[in-house]
Amino acid sequence: MLPFALLGVFLVSPSYFEISDIGVKINQLPDLINVAATYLFFLIIIEWILRILLNIRYFLFPKKEKTMSTINK
């Protein structure tokens, strides 16, 4: 949807996009990559913590196995 919205803005107002702005945005990419890597690292750490906590929960409170009598009810 975003590409169509940008195309609509460009068709209505061609001066919205300027060539000089493209160079500025390209020069900002290394900073954005560093920020994205930081957030990705944070998400990986959160995922590991949640998996460890889930394994601790399963160790302390194991899942109850369903028997045939409870399934047929």
Protein backbone atom coordinates (compact mmCIF):
# COMPACT_ATOMS: atom_id res chain seq x y z
CA MET A 1 0.00 0.00 0.00
CA LEU A 2 2.84 2.41 0.78
CA PRO A 3 4.26 2.36 -2.77
CA PHE A 4 0.85 3.28 -4.19
CA ALA A 5 0.48 6.10 -1.67
CA LEU A 6 3.91 7.48 -2.62
CA LEU A 7 3.04 7.18 -6.30
CA GLY A 8 -0.16 9.12 -5.67
CA VAL A 9 1.73 11.89 -3.85
CA PHE A 10 4.28 12.04 -6.66
CA LEU A 11 1.59 12.29 -9.34
CA VAL A 12 -0.26 15.05 -7.50
CA SER A 13 2.82 17.05 -6.52
CA PRO A 14 6.00 16.20 -8.50
CA SER A 15 8.01 18.73 -6.47
CA TYR A 16 7.50 16.57 -3.35
CA PHE A 17 10.48 14.40 -4.33
CA GLU A 18 13.71 16.24 -5.03
CA ILE A 19 16.93 14.74 -6.35
CA SER A 20 19.03 16.46 -3.66
CA ASP A 21 16.98 14.77 -0.92
CA ILE A 22 17.79 11.35 -2.33
CA GLY A 23 21.52 11.87 -1.73
CA VAL A 24 20.88 13.01 1.84
CA LYS A 25 18.74 9.93 2.53
CA ILE A 26 21.37 7.61 1.06
CA ASN A 27 24.01 9.19 3.31
CA GLN A 28 21.79 8.50 6.34
CA LEU A 29 21.53 4.75 5.61
CA PRO A 30 24.60 3.69 7.69
CA ASP A 31 23.11 5.34 10.78
CA LEU A 32 19.76 3.64 10.17
CA ILE A 33 21.46 0.27 9.73
CA ASN A 34 23.17 0.70 13.11
CA VAL A 35 19.84 1.51 14.77
CA ALA A 36 18.15 -1.46 13.07
CA ALA A 37 20.95 -3.79 14.19
CA THR A 38 20.58 -2.54 17.77
CA TYR A 39 16.83 -3.24 17.75
CA LEU A 40 17.35 -6.65 16.13
CA PHE A 41 19.89 -7.56 18.83
CA PHE A 42 17.41 -6.40 21.51
CA LEU A 43 14.65 -8.58 20.00
CA ILE A 44 16.94 -11.62 19.91
CA ILE A 45 17.86 -11.14 23.58
CA ILE A 46 14.17 -10.81 24.54
CA GLU A 47 13.37 -13.98 22.56
CA TRP A 48 16.08 -15.94 24.39
CA ILE A 49 14.90 -14.70 27.79
CA LEU A 50 11.30 -15.68 27.03
CA ARG A 51 12.35 -19.13 25.80
CA ILE A 52 14.43 -19.72 28.93
CA LEU A 53 11.52 -18.66 31.15
CA LEU A 54 9.16 -20.94 29.22
CA ASN A 55 11.53 -23.89 29.64
CA ILE A 56 11.79 -23.17 33.37
CA ARG A 57 7.98 -23.11 33.56
CA TYR A 58 7.70 -26.45 31.74
CA PHE A 59 10.36 -27.91 34.04
CA LEU A 60 8.58 -26.76 37.22
CA PHE A 61 5.03 -27.39 35.95
CA PRO A 62 5.11 -30.12 33.30
CA LYS A 63 2.31 -30.40 30.80
CA LYS A 64 -0.41 -32.85 31.75
CA GLU A 65 -0.75 -35.68 29.28
CA LYS A 66 -4.26 -36.27 28.02
CA THR A 67 -5.60 -39.75 28.55
CA MET A 68 -8.13 -41.46 26.37
CA SER A 69 -10.86 -41.05 28.99
CA THR A 70 -10.49 -37.23 29.01
CA ILE A 71 -10.36 -37.02 25.23
CA ASN A 72 -13.62 -38.97 24.78
CA LYS A 73 -15.62 -36.74 27.12
